[in-house]
PDB file of N, CA and C in Angstrom:
ATOM      1  N   MET A   1      13.581   2.710  -0.306  1.00  0.00           N
ATOM      2  CA  MET A   1      13.818   3.278   0.998  1.00  0.00           C
ATOM      3  C   MET A   1      12.571   3.049   1.857  1.00  0.00           C
ATOM      4  N   GLN A   2      12.752   2.539   3.022  1.00  0.00           N
ATOM      5  CA  GLN A   2      11.635   2.199   3.901  1.00  0.00           C
ATOM      6  C   GLN A   2      10.902   3.456   4.386  1.00  0.00           C
ATOM      7  N   GLY A   3       9.569   3.378   4.380  1.00  0.00           N
ATOM      8  CA  GLY A   3       8.755   4.462   4.901  1.00  0.00           C
ATOM      9  C   GLY A   3       8.454   5.558   3.902  1.00  0.00           C
ATOM     10  N   TYR A   4       8.919   5.415   2.660  1.00  0.00           N
ATOM     11  CA  TYR A   4       8.704   6.452   1.642  1.00  0.00           C
ATOM     12  C   TYR A   4       7.841   5.965   0.492  1.00  0.00           C
ATOM     13  N   GLU A   5       7.037   4.947   0.727  1.00  0.00           N
ATOM     14  CA  GLU A   5       6.216   4.386  -0.336  1.00  0.00           C
ATOM     15  C   GLU A   5       5.303   5.443  -0.962  1.00  0.00           C
ATOM     16  N   ASP A   6       4.732   6.318  -0.145  1.00  0.00           N
ATOM     17  CA  ASP A   6       3.836   7.341  -0.680  1.00  0.00           C
ATOM     18  C   ASP A   6       4.574   8.296  -1.616  1.00  0.00           C
ATOM     19  N   LYS A   7       5.822   8.613  -1.322  1.00  0.00           N
ATOM     20  CA  LYS A   7       6.615   9.507  -2.179  1.00  0.00           C
ATOM     21  C   LYS A   7       6.897   8.833  -3.525  1.00  0.00           C
ATOM     22  N   VAL A   8       7.160   7.527  -3.491  1.00  0.00           N
ATOM     23  CA  VAL A   8       7.395   6.784  -4.726  1.00  0.00           C
ATOM     24  C   VAL A   8       6.134   6.791  -5.582  1.00  0.00           C
ATOM     25  N   VAL A   9       4.989   6.550  -4.955  1.00  0.00           N
ATOM     26  CA  VAL A   9       3.721   6.550  -5.689  1.00  0.00           C
ATOM     27  C   VAL A   9       3.469   7.926  -6.296  1.00  0.00           C
ATOM     28  N   GLN A  10       3.634   8.974  -5.529  1.00  0.00           N
ATOM     29  CA  GLN A  10       3.396  10.326  -6.036  1.00  0.00           C
ATOM     30  C   GLN A  10       4.330  10.669  -7.196  1.00  0.00           C
ATOM     31  N   GLY A  11       5.562  10.179  -7.132  1.00  0.00           N
ATOM     32  CA  GLY A  11       6.514  10.449  -8.193  1.00  0.00           C
ATOM     33  C   GLY A  11       6.293   9.634  -9.457  1.00  0.00           C
ATOM     34  N   GLY A  12       5.498   8.584  -9.358  1.00  0.00           N
ATOM     35  CA  GLY A  12       5.267   7.710 -10.516  1.00  0.00           C
ATOM     36  C   GLY A  12       3.840   7.701 -11.001  1.00  0.00           C
ATOM     37  N   MET A  13       3.148   8.811 -10.874  1.00  0.00           N
ATOM     38  CA  MET A  13       1.720   8.849 -11.208  1.00  0.00           C
ATOM     39  C   MET A  13       1.435   8.406 -12.645  1.00  0.00           C
ATOM     40  N   LYS A  14       2.260   8.797 -13.603  1.00  0.00           N
ATOM     41  CA  LYS A  14       2.011   8.407 -14.995  1.00  0.00           C
ATOM     42  C   LYS A  14       2.119   6.888 -15.161  1.00  0.00           C
ATOM     43  N   THR A  15       3.032   6.280 -14.447  1.00  0.00           N
ATOM     44  CA  THR A  15       3.167   4.824 -14.492  1.00  0.00           C
ATOM     45  C   THR A  15       1.952   4.157 -13.858  1.00  0.00           C
ATOM     46  N   PHE A  16       1.492   4.688 -12.727  1.00  0.00           N
ATOM     47  CA  PHE A  16       0.335   4.092 -12.056  1.00  0.00           C
ATOM     48  C   PHE A  16      -0.943   4.275 -12.861  1.00  0.00           C
ATOM     49  N   GLU A  17      -1.028   5.315 -13.684  1.00  0.00           N
ATOM     50  CA  GLU A  17      -2.200   5.497 -14.548  1.00  0.00           C
ATOM     51  C   GLU A  17      -2.326   4.341 -15.538  1.00  0.00           C
ATOM     52  N   LYS A  18      -1.184   3.775 -15.957  1.00  0.00           N
ATOM     53  CA  LYS A  18      -1.178   2.681 -16.923  1.00  0.00           C
ATOM     54  C   LYS A  18      -1.311   1.313 -16.261  1.00  0.00           C
ATOM     55  N   ALA A  19      -1.054   1.236 -14.970  1.00  0.00           N
ATOM     56  CA  ALA A  19      -1.040  -0.049 -14.263  1.00  0.00           C
ATOM     57  C   ALA A  19      -2.446  -0.600 -14.050  1.00  0.00           C
ATOM     58  N   LYS A  20      -2.536  -1.918 -14.022  1.00  0.00           N
ATOM     59  CA  LYS A  20      -3.795  -2.594 -13.719  1.00  0.00           C
ATOM     60  C   LYS A  20      -3.758  -3.203 -12.327  1.00  0.00           C
ATOM     61  N   ILE A  21      -2.577  -3.607 -11.893  1.00  0.00           N
ATOM     62  CA  ILE A  21      -2.391  -4.216 -10.579  1.00  0.00           C
ATOM     63  C   ILE A  21      -1.150  -3.604  -9.943  1.00  0.00           C
ATOM     64  N   VAL A  22      -1.255  -3.313  -8.641  1.00  0.00           N
ATOM     65  CA  VAL A  22      -0.119  -2.781  -7.888  1.00  0.00           C
ATOM     66  C   VAL A  22       0.025  -3.603  -6.610  1.00  0.00           C
ATOM     67  N   ILE A  23       1.257  -3.970  -6.298  1.00  0.00           N
ATOM     68  CA  ILE A  23       1.566  -4.587  -5.014  1.00  0.00           C
ATOM     69  C   ILE A  23       2.509  -3.636  -4.295  1.00  0.00           C
ATOM     70  N   CYS A  24       2.095  -3.182  -3.122  1.00  0.00           N
ATOM     71  CA  CYS A  24       2.844  -2.166  -2.390  1.00  0.00           C
ATOM     72  C   CYS A  24       2.952  -2.567  -0.921  1.00  0.00           C
ATOM     73  N   GLU A  25       4.151  -2.464  -0.373  1.00  0.00           N
ATOM     74  CA  GLU A  25       4.303  -2.735   1.057  1.00  0.00           C
ATOM     75  C   GLU A  25       3.593  -1.644   1.847  1.00  0.00           C
ATOM     76  N   ILE A  26       2.771  -2.058   2.783  1.00  0.00           N
ATOM     77  CA  ILE A  26       2.038  -1.125   3.644  1.00  0.00           C
ATOM     78  C   ILE A  26       2.268  -1.511   5.106  1.00  0.00           C
ATOM     79  N   SER A  27       2.163  -0.522   5.968  1.00  0.00           N
ATOM     80  CA  SER A  27       2.321  -0.760   7.405  1.00  0.00           C
ATOM     81  C   SER A  27       1.013  -0.479   8.115  1.00  0.00           C
ATOM     82  N   PHE A  28       0.759  -1.262   9.146  1.00  0.00           N
ATOM     83  CA  PHE A  28      -0.430  -1.065   9.973  1.00  0.00           C
ATOM     84  C   PHE A  28      -0.114  -0.208  11.198  1.00  0.00           C
ATOM     85  N   TYR A  29       1.168  -0.104  11.533  1.00  0.00           N
ATOM     86  CA  TYR A  29       1.646   0.713  12.651  1.00  0.00           C
ATOM     87  C   TYR A  29       2.855   1.498  12.168  1.00  0.00           C
ATOM     88  N   GLU A  30       3.070   2.662  12.757  1.00  0.00           N
ATOM     89  CA  GLU A  30       4.197   3.491  12.328  1.00  0.00           C
ATOM     90  C   GLU A  30       5.522   2.831  12.717  1.00  0.00           C
ATOM     91  N   LEU A  31       6.234   2.377  11.707  1.00  0.00           N
ATOM     92  CA  LEU A  31       7.539   1.769  11.902  1.00  0.00           C
ATOM     93  C   LEU A  31       8.654   2.754  11.564  1.00  0.00           C
ATOM     94  N   TYR A  32       8.319   3.750  10.746  1.00  0.00           N
ATOM     95  CA  TYR A  32       9.252   4.795  10.333  1.00  0.00           C
ATOM     96  C   TYR A  32       8.563   6.141  10.499  1.00  0.00           C
ATOM     97  N   ARG A  33       9.261   7.089  11.057  1.00  0.00           N
ATOM     98  CA  ARG A  33       8.690   8.399  11.361  1.00  0.00           C
ATOM     99  C   ARG A  33       8.079   9.048  10.114  1.00  0.00           C
ATOM    100  N   GLY A  34       6.805   9.428  10.226  1.00  0.00           N
ATOM    101  CA  GLY A  34       6.122  10.154   9.168  1.00  0.00           C
ATOM    102  C   GLY A  34       5.572   9.314   8.036  1.00  0.00           C
ATOM    103  N   GLN A  35       5.747   8.002   8.088  1.00  0.00           N
ATOM    104  CA  GLN A  35       5.242   7.175   6.996  1.00  0.00           C
ATOM    105  C   GLN A  35       3.717   7.130   7.011  1.00  0.00           C
ATOM    106  N   LEU A  36       3.118   6.963   5.829  1.00  0.00           N
ATOM    107  CA  LEU A  36       1.679   6.776   5.756  1.00  0.00           C
ATOM    108  C   LEU A  36       1.360   5.330   6.114  1.00  0.00           C
ATOM    109  N   LEU A  37       0.238   5.150   6.788  1.00  0.00           N
ATOM    110  CA  LEU A  37      -0.194   3.807   7.184  1.00  0.00           C
ATOM    111  C   LEU A  37      -1.215   3.265   6.187  1.00  0.00           C
ATOM    112  N   PHE A  38      -1.689   2.057   6.456  1.00  0.00           N
ATOM    113  CA  PHE A  38      -2.567   1.356   5.513  1.00  0.00           C
ATOM    114  C   PHE A  38      -3.725   2.215   5.023  1.00  0.00           C
ATOM    115  N   ASP A  39      -4.466   2.833   5.924  1.00  0.00           N
ATOM    116  CA  ASP A  39      -5.651   3.592   5.509  1.00  0.00           C
ATOM    117  C   ASP A  39      -5.301   4.713   4.537  1.00  0.00           C
ATOM    118  N   GLU A  40      -4.231   5.445   4.821  1.00  0.00           N
ATOM    119  CA  GLU A  40      -3.845   6.554   3.943  1.00  0.00           C
ATOM    120  C   GLU A  40      -3.344   6.040   2.589  1.00  0.00           C
ATOM    121  N   MET A  41      -2.565   4.961   2.604  1.00  0.00           N
ATOM    122  CA  MET A  41      -2.077   4.399   1.345  1.00  0.00           C
ATOM    123  C   MET A  41      -3.237   3.831   0.528  1.00  0.00           C
ATOM    124  N   SER A  42      -4.173   3.165   1.197  1.00  0.00           N
ATOM    125  CA  SER A  42      -5.337   2.618   0.520  1.00  0.00           C
ATOM    126  C   SER A  42      -6.151   3.739  -0.122  1.00  0.00           C
ATOM    127  N   ASN A  43      -6.329   4.834   0.595  1.00  0.00           N
ATOM    128  CA  ASN A  43      -7.065   5.973   0.036  1.00  0.00           C
ATOM    129  C   ASN A  43      -6.341   6.584  -1.156  1.00  0.00           C
ATOM    130  N   MET A  44      -5.018   6.625  -1.103  1.00  0.00           N
ATOM    131  CA  MET A  44      -4.242   7.157  -2.214  1.00  0.00           C
ATOM    132  C   MET A  44      -4.494   6.324  -3.474  1.00  0.00           C
ATOM    133  N   PHE A  45      -4.453   4.993  -3.314  1.00  0.00           N
ATOM    134  CA  PHE A  45      -4.705   4.124  -4.463  1.00  0.00           C
ATOM    135  C   PHE A  45      -6.165   4.188  -4.896  1.00  0.00           C
ATOM    136  N   LYS A  46      -7.071   4.307  -3.949  1.00  0.00           N
ATOM    137  CA  LYS A  46      -8.502   4.431  -4.279  1.00  0.00           C
ATOM    138  C   LYS A  46      -8.746   5.660  -5.144  1.00  0.00           C
ATOM    139  N   ASN A  47      -8.088   6.762  -4.818  1.00  0.00           N
ATOM    140  CA  ASN A  47      -8.232   7.990  -5.601  1.00  0.00           C
ATOM    141  C   ASN A  47      -7.685   7.849  -7.019  1.00  0.00           C
ATOM    142  N   MET A  48      -6.848   6.839  -7.242  1.00  0.00           N
ATOM    143  CA  MET A  48      -6.317   6.569  -8.584  1.00  0.00           C
ATOM    144  C   MET A  48      -7.123   5.491  -9.304  1.00  0.00           C
ATOM    145  N   GLY A  49      -8.224   5.030  -8.680  1.00  0.00           N
ATOM    146  CA  GLY A  49      -9.100   4.061  -9.324  1.00  0.00           C
ATOM    147  C   GLY A  49      -8.830   2.612  -8.971  1.00  0.00           C
ATOM    148  N   PHE A  50      -8.022   2.363  -7.938  1.00  0.00           N
ATOM    149  CA  PHE A  50      -7.716   1.003  -7.519  1.00  0.00           C
ATOM    150  C   PHE A  50      -8.577   0.612  -6.316  1.00  0.00           C
ATOM    151  N   THR A  51      -8.812  -0.676  -6.176  1.00  0.00           N
ATOM    152  CA  THR A  51      -9.486  -1.183  -4.981  1.00  0.00           C
ATOM    153  C   THR A  51      -8.568  -2.185  -4.297  1.00  0.00           C
ATOM    154  N   TYR A  52      -8.618  -2.202  -2.987  1.00  0.00           N
ATOM    155  CA  TYR A  52      -7.816  -3.130  -2.186  1.00  0.00           C
ATOM    156  C   TYR A  52      -8.401  -4.521  -2.314  1.00  0.00           C
ATOM    157  N   GLN A  53      -7.545  -5.515  -2.610  1.00  0.00           N
ATOM    158  CA  GLN A  53      -8.018  -6.879  -2.825  1.00  0.00           C
ATOM    159  C   GLN A  53      -7.423  -7.898  -1.867  1.00  0.00           C
ATOM    160  N   GLY A  54      -6.600  -7.457  -0.929  1.00  0.00           N
ATOM    161  CA  GLY A  54      -6.021  -8.385   0.032  1.00  0.00           C
ATOM    162  C   GLY A  54      -4.528  -8.147   0.203  1.00  0.00           C
ATOM    163  N   SER A  55      -3.923  -8.945   1.067  1.00  0.00           N
ATOM    164  CA  SER A  55      -2.506  -8.791   1.374  1.00  0.00           C
ATOM    165  C   SER A  55      -1.790 -10.137   1.352  1.00  0.00           C
ATOM    166  N   ILE A  56      -0.492 -10.071   1.101  1.00  0.00           N
ATOM    167  CA  ILE A  56       0.369 -11.249   1.133  1.00  0.00           C
ATOM    168  C   ILE A  56       1.634 -10.899   1.920  1.00  0.00           C
ATOM    169  N   ASN A  57       2.371 -11.894   2.309  1.00  0.00           N
ATOM    170  CA  ASN A  57       3.675 -11.723   2.974  1.00  0.00           C
ATOM    171  C   ASN A  57       3.640 -10.831   4.217  1.00  0.00           C
ATOM    172  N   PRO A  58       2.759 -11.110   5.156  1.00  0.00           N
ATOM    173  CA  PRO A  58       2.707 -10.255   6.347  1.00  0.00           C
ATOM    174  C   PRO A  58       3.933 -10.438   7.241  1.00  0.00           C
ATOM    175  N   GLY A  59       4.263  -9.369   7.950  1.00  0.00           N
ATOM    176  CA  GLY A  59       5.297  -9.435   8.980  1.00  0.00           C
ATOM    177  C   GLY A  59       4.651  -9.214  10.331  1.00  0.00           C
ATOM    178  N   PHE A  60       5.001 -10.028  11.297  1.00  0.00           N
ATOM    179  CA  PHE A  60       4.342  -9.989  12.599  1.00  0.00           C
ATOM    180  C   PHE A  60       5.291  -9.519  13.698  1.00  0.00           C
ATOM    181  N   HIS A  61       4.724  -8.889  14.711  1.00  0.00           N
ATOM    182  CA  HIS A  61       5.496  -8.478  15.882  1.00  0.00           C
ATOM    183  C   HIS A  61       6.027  -9.740  16.556  1.00  0.00           C
ATOM    184  N   PRO A  62       7.305  -9.782  16.887  1.00  0.00           N
ATOM    185  CA  PRO A  62       7.880 -11.018  17.435  1.00  0.00           C
ATOM    186  C   PRO A  62       7.366 -11.415  18.817  1.00  0.00           C
ATOM    187  N   LYS A  63       6.844 -10.463  19.578  1.00  0.00           N
ATOM    188  CA  LYS A  63       6.385 -10.795  20.933  1.00  0.00           C
ATOM    189  C   LYS A  63       4.891 -11.055  21.020  1.00  0.00           C
ATOM    190  N   ASN A  64       4.076 -10.211  20.356  1.00  0.00           N
ATOM    191  CA  ASN A  64       2.628 -10.378  20.528  1.00  0.00           C
ATOM    192  C   ASN A  64       1.919 -10.892  19.271  1.00  0.00           C
ATOM    193  N   GLY A  65       2.646 -11.038  18.161  1.00  0.00           N
ATOM    194  CA  GLY A  65       2.082 -11.658  16.971  1.00  0.00           C
ATOM    195  C   GLY A  65       1.157 -10.809  16.126  1.00  0.00           C
ATOM    196  N   ILE A  66       0.976  -9.536  16.464  1.00  0.00           N
ATOM    197  CA  ILE A  66       0.084  -8.711  15.645  1.00  0.00           C
ATOM    198  C   ILE A  66       0.763  -8.393  14.306  1.00  0.00           C
ATOM    199  N   PRO A  67      -0.036  -8.283  13.233  1.00  0.00           N
ATOM    200  CA  PRO A  67       0.563  -7.954  11.936  1.00  0.00           C
ATOM    201  C   PRO A  67       1.053  -6.504  11.932  1.00  0.00           C
ATOM    202  N   LEU A  68       2.290  -6.304  11.484  1.00  0.00           N
ATOM    203  CA  LEU A  68       2.881  -4.965  11.432  1.00  0.00           C
ATOM    204  C   LEU A  68       2.866  -4.389  10.022  1.00  0.00           C
ATOM    205  N   PHE A  69       3.078  -5.250   9.043  1.00  0.00           N
ATOM    206  CA  PHE A  69       3.135  -4.796   7.653  1.00  0.00           C
ATOM    207  C   PHE A  69       2.790  -5.965   6.740  1.00  0.00           C
ATOM    208  N   ALA A  70       2.545  -5.664   5.480  1.00  0.00           N
ATOM    209  CA  ALA A  70       2.256  -6.694   4.477  1.00  0.00           C
ATOM    210  C   ALA A  70       2.381  -6.060   3.097  1.00  0.00           C
ATOM    211  N   ASP A  71       2.367  -6.895   2.083  1.00  0.00           N
ATOM    212  CA  ASP A  71       2.304  -6.424   0.703  1.00  0.00           C
ATOM    213  C   ASP A  71       0.831  -6.389   0.308  1.00  0.00           C
ATOM    214  N   ALA A  72       0.319  -5.192   0.083  1.00  0.00           N
ATOM    215  CA  ALA A  72      -1.096  -5.025  -0.259  1.00  0.00           C
ATOM    216  C   ALA A  72      -1.274  -5.102  -1.769  1.00  0.00           C
ATOM    217  N   ILE A  73      -2.344  -5.738  -2.186  1.00  0.00           N
ATOM    218  CA  ILE A  73      -2.668  -5.882  -3.603  1.00  0.00           C
ATOM    219  C   ILE A  73      -3.821  -4.935  -3.935  1.00  0.00           C
ATOM    220  N   PHE A  74      -3.595  -4.071  -4.912  1.00  0.00           N
ATOM    221  CA  PHE A  74      -4.600  -3.132  -5.385  1.00  0.00           C
ATOM    222  C   PHE A  74      -4.837  -3.391  -6.870  1.00  0.00           C
ATOM    223  N   ILE A  75      -6.104  -3.480  -7.262  1.00  0.00           N
ATOM    224  CA  ILE A  75      -6.453  -3.742  -8.650  1.00  0.00           C
ATOM    225  C   ILE A  75      -7.307  -2.597  -9.171  1.00  0.00           C
ATOM    226  N   LYS A  76      -6.990  -2.143 -10.387  1.00  0.00           N
ATOM    227  CA  LYS A  76      -7.735  -1.043 -11.009  1.00  0.00           C
ATOM    228  C   LYS A  76      -9.150  -1.518 -11.270  1.00  0.00           C
ATOM    229  N   LYS A  77     -10.113  -0.731 -10.837  1.00  0.00           N
ATOM    230  CA  LYS A  77     -11.494  -1.121 -11.054  1.00  0.00           C
ATOM    231  C   LYS A  77     -11.959  -0.650 -12.437  1.00  0.00           C
ATOM    232  N   TYR A  78     -12.621  -1.524 -13.113  1.00  0.00           N
ATOM    233  CA  TYR A  78     -13.133  -1.237 -14.438  1.00  0.00           C
ATOM    234  C   TYR A  78     -14.648  -1.398 -14.432  1.00  0.00           C
ATOM    235  N   ILE A  79     -15.301  -0.576 -15.197  1.00  0.00           N
ATOM    236  CA  ILE A  79     -16.768  -0.702 -15.337  1.00  0.00           C
ATOM    237  C   ILE A  79     -17.038  -1.763 -16.393  1.00  0.00           C
ATOM    238  N   LEU A  80     -17.822  -2.759 -16.020  1.00  0.00           N
ATOM    239  CA  LEU A  80     -18.131  -3.846 -16.961  1.00  0.00           C
ATOM    240  C   LEU A  80     -19.255  -3.452 -17.875  1.00  0.00           C
TER     241      LEU A  80
END
């Protein structure tokens, strides 16, 4: 369901504890009422030990070309 990515993450905490890499659709602008944007989603993953490593598959505004959303890649940070 669009705009509920944060609810999915919160509901799957045990799964995310085991994950090493997560790819999650994030938005840079509010496309759905009440959705969390990139900064809040990034902080949520950061609090679980992940770091943002880049984005793929961006979607752009059809008139002005600004990026609206993308699939963000988060990788669990490990101490070497």
